[in-house]
Amino acid sequence: MEDAKGWIKDSEKTMIAMGAAMGGGCRKCAENLHRMALDQNMSPKDILGAFLQGLEAKAEAVNTMREKVRSLLDDGQFASDSSIGQDSKLASLIRIAAFTAANSAPDVFQEIKRAREQGVTERELKLCQSVARMVRDHAMKFSDQEIGEGLSETVSPCAAACSCG
């Protein structure tokens, strides 16, 4: 994996970034990284593999969140029916917020269309977007903090970036 100097190769960095793009739901990143991979003469198999690894990791992250919900609620409360106790307008706003936090613009736009058909106002949509962005920003900070604390136990803080540690 490392070259003669102990660095990760550019093509491998691109593949790592491709997986991260899938995890972060960034379609623009995926397009740009795909173009970079082609410029680096990466094989279609390697490109697909990097994207699929990222998607599989994202699916595992969803399962981790399901387990978190189960741990927060009594087992009997956890149901597969996601509409329990919510009117369609509220459910649509929740979905818009979740799609926003997941960086999935196409899904946001599709859900906004449904929400408008259900009578959701522009003011409600703007509030929903503000809340989603706030949560996304906080989630990123909390996750970075948790990951940083976990890494500091196993790897020196700059081991990936330099050769001091």
Protein backbone atom coordinates (compact mmCIF):
# COMPACT_ATOMS: atom_id res chain seq x y z
CA MET A 1 0.00 0.00 0.00
CA GLU A 2 2.77 2.47 0.84
CA ASP A 3 5.32 3.56 -1.72
CA ALA A 4 9.09 3.51 -1.13
CA LYS A 5 8.91 6.65 1.04
CA GLY A 6 6.19 5.20 3.24
CA TRP A 7 3.39 7.30 1.78
CA ILE A 8 0.01 6.11 0.55
CA LYS A 9 -0.05 6.21 -3.25
CA ASP A 10 -2.13 8.90 -4.99
CA SER A 11 -4.43 6.32 -6.54
CA GLU A 12 -5.06 4.83 -3.11
CA LYS A 13 -5.80 8.27 -1.65
CA THR A 14 -8.31 8.75 -4.45
CA MET A 15 -9.95 5.42 -3.65
CA ILE A 16 -10.12 6.32 0.05
CA ALA A 17 -11.73 9.64 -0.87
CA MET A 18 -14.20 7.82 -3.14
CA GLY A 19 -15.33 5.70 -0.20
CA ALA A 20 -15.64 8.80 1.95
CA ALA A 21 -17.74 10.49 -0.74
CA MET A 22 -20.17 7.57 -0.61
CA GLY A 23 -20.31 7.73 3.18
CA GLY A 24 -20.89 11.47 3.10
CA GLY A 25 -23.43 11.30 0.31
CA CYS A 26 -21.54 13.79 -1.85
CA ARG A 27 -22.51 13.24 -5.48
CA LYS A 28 -20.30 16.09 -6.72
CA CYS A 29 -17.31 14.59 -4.88
CA ALA A 30 -18.08 11.21 -6.46
CA GLU A 31 -18.11 12.78 -9.94
CA ASN A 32 -14.85 14.66 -9.37
CA LEU A 33 -13.13 11.65 -7.81
CA HIS A 34 -14.32 9.39 -10.62
CA ARG A 35 -12.74 11.78 -13.11
CA MET A 36 -9.51 11.77 -11.05
CA ALA A 37 -9.52 7.98 -10.95
CA LEU A 38 -9.84 7.83 -14.72
CA ASP A 39 -7.01 10.36 -15.08
CA GLN A 40 -4.89 8.08 -12.88
CA ASN A 41 -5.71 5.16 -15.21
CA MET A 42 -7.47 3.30 -12.43
CA SER A 43 -9.30 0.16 -13.54
CA PRO A 44 -13.11 0.16 -13.60
CA LYS A 45 -12.96 -2.74 -11.12
CA ASP A 46 -10.92 -0.68 -8.62
CA ILE A 47 -13.20 2.35 -9.07
CA LEU A 48 -16.31 0.25 -8.49
CA GLY A 49 -14.68 -1.47 -5.53
CA ALA A 50 -13.89 1.83 -3.82
CA PHE A 51 -17.41 3.16 -4.34
CA LEU A 52 -19.00 -0.09 -3.14
CA GLN A 53 -16.80 -0.25 -0.03
CA GLY A 54 -17.98 3.26 0.84
CA LEU A 55 -21.62 2.34 0.27
CA GLU A 56 -21.25 -0.79 2.39
CA ALA A 57 -19.72 1.28 5.19
CA LYS A 58 -22.61 3.74 4.95
CA ALA A 59 -25.07 0.83 5.25
CA GLU A 60 -23.23 -0.36 8.36
CA ALA A 61 -23.49 3.17 9.78
CA VAL A 62 -27.27 3.05 9.25
CA ASN A 63 -27.38 -0.23 11.17
CA THR A 64 -25.33 1.33 13.95
CA MET A 65 -27.94 4.10 14.20
CA ARG A 66 -30.75 1.49 14.30
CA GLU A 67 -29.00 -0.12 17.24
CA LYS A 68 -28.73 3.29 18.91
CA VAL A 69 -32.49 3.78 18.53
CA ARG A 70 -33.09 0.31 19.99
CA SER A 71 -30.88 1.17 22.95
CA LEU A 72 -32.79 4.41 23.54
CA LEU A 73 -36.24 2.80 23.39
CA ASP A 74 -37.77 -0.29 24.88
CA ASP A 75 -37.51 -3.20 22.48
CA GLY A 76 -41.31 -3.24 22.22
CA GLN A 77 -41.33 0.35 21.03
CA PHE A 78 -39.05 -0.28 18.10
CA ALA A 79 -41.24 -0.91 15.08
CA SER A 80 -40.69 -0.98 11.36
CA ASP A 81 -43.63 1.38 10.78
CA SER A 82 -41.95 4.79 10.66
CA SER A 83 -45.25 6.68 10.44
CA ILE A 84 -46.40 5.86 13.96
CA GLY A 85 -47.70 8.97 15.69
CA GLN A 86 -46.82 11.46 12.95
CA ASP A 87 -48.97 13.30 10.47
CA SER A 88 -47.80 13.32 6.87
CA LYS A 89 -46.57 16.94 7.01
CA LEU A 90 -44.39 16.27 10.02
CA ALA A 91 -43.11 13.00 8.56
CA SER A 92 -42.18 14.86 5.38
CA LEU A 93 -40.31 17.56 7.34
CA ILE A 94 -38.44 14.87 9.29
CA ARG A 95 -37.46 13.18 6.02
CA ILE A 96 -36.32 16.49 4.51
CA ALA A 97 -34.14 17.11 7.56
CA ALA A 98 -32.68 13.60 7.42
CA PHE A 99 -31.95 13.85 3.69
CA THR A 100 -30.33 17.26 4.27
CA ALA A 101 -28.15 15.90 7.06
CA ALA A 102 -27.20 12.97 4.81
CA ASN A 103 -26.22 15.39 2.01
CA SER A 104 -28.72 13.88 -0.42
CA ALA A 105 -30.01 16.85 -2.42
CA PRO A 106 -32.06 14.83 -4.94
CA ASP A 107 -33.99 13.22 -2.09
CA VAL A 108 -34.45 16.61 -0.40
CA PHE A 109 -35.94 18.07 -3.59
CA GLN A 110 -38.26 15.11 -4.12
CA GLU A 111 -39.49 15.27 -0.53
CA ILE A 112 -39.94 19.05 -0.69
CA LYS A 113 -42.22 18.55 -3.67
CA ARG A 114 -44.34 16.07 -1.66
CA ALA A 115 -44.29 18.38 1.36
CA ARG A 116 -45.59 21.30 -0.67
CA GLU A 117 -48.41 19.11 -1.99
CA GLN A 118 -49.32 18.39 1.65
CA GLY A 119 -49.45 22.10 2.49
CA VAL A 120 -46.04 22.61 4.09
CA THR A 121 -45.20 26.33 3.90
CA GLU A 122 -41.97 27.93 2.73
CA ARG A 123 -41.41 29.16 6.28
CA GLU A 124 -41.69 25.59 7.62
CA LEU A 125 -39.29 24.36 4.93
CA LYS A 126 -36.72 27.05 5.79
CA LEU A 127 -36.96 26.22 9.49
CA CYS A 128 -36.57 22.52 8.69
CA GLN A 129 -33.45 23.22 6.62
CA SER A 130 -31.97 25.39 9.37
CA VAL A 131 -32.49 22.68 11.97
CA ALA A 132 -31.05 20.01 9.66
CA ARG A 133 -27.93 22.07 8.93
CA MET A 134 -27.44 22.74 12.64
CA VAL A 135 -27.70 19.03 13.44
CA ARG A 136 -25.40 18.10 10.54
CA ASP A 137 -22.79 20.62 11.76
CA HIS A 138 -23.01 19.39 15.36
CA ALA A 139 -22.93 15.74 14.27
CA MET A 140 -19.76 16.38 12.30
CA LYS A 141 -18.09 18.06 15.29
CA PHE A 142 -19.16 15.34 17.74
CA SER A 143 -18.07 12.59 15.37
CA ASP A 144 -14.70 14.26 14.71
CA GLN A 145 -14.19 14.58 18.47
CA GLU A 146 -15.12 10.95 19.15
CA ILE A 147 -12.96 9.66 16.30
CA GLY A 148 -10.05 11.87 17.38
CA GLU A 149 -10.26 10.53 20.92
CA GLY A 150 -10.34 6.96 19.59
CA LEU A 151 -7.40 7.54 17.28
CA SER A 152 -5.29 9.20 19.96
CA GLU A 153 -5.35 5.90 21.85
CA THR A 154 -3.93 3.97 18.89
CA VAL A 155 -2.11 6.37 16.55
CA SER A 156 -0.03 9.47 17.08
CA PRO A 157 -2.02 12.60 16.07
CA CYS A 158 -0.07 13.24 12.89
CA ALA A 159 1.04 9.74 11.93
CA ALA A 160 -1.03 9.80 8.77
CA ALA A 161 0.27 13.21 7.68
CA CYS A 162 3.97 13.14 8.53
CA SER A 163 6.81 10.94 9.60
CA CYS A 164 7.38 12.32 13.12
CA GLY A 165 5.35 9.78 15.00
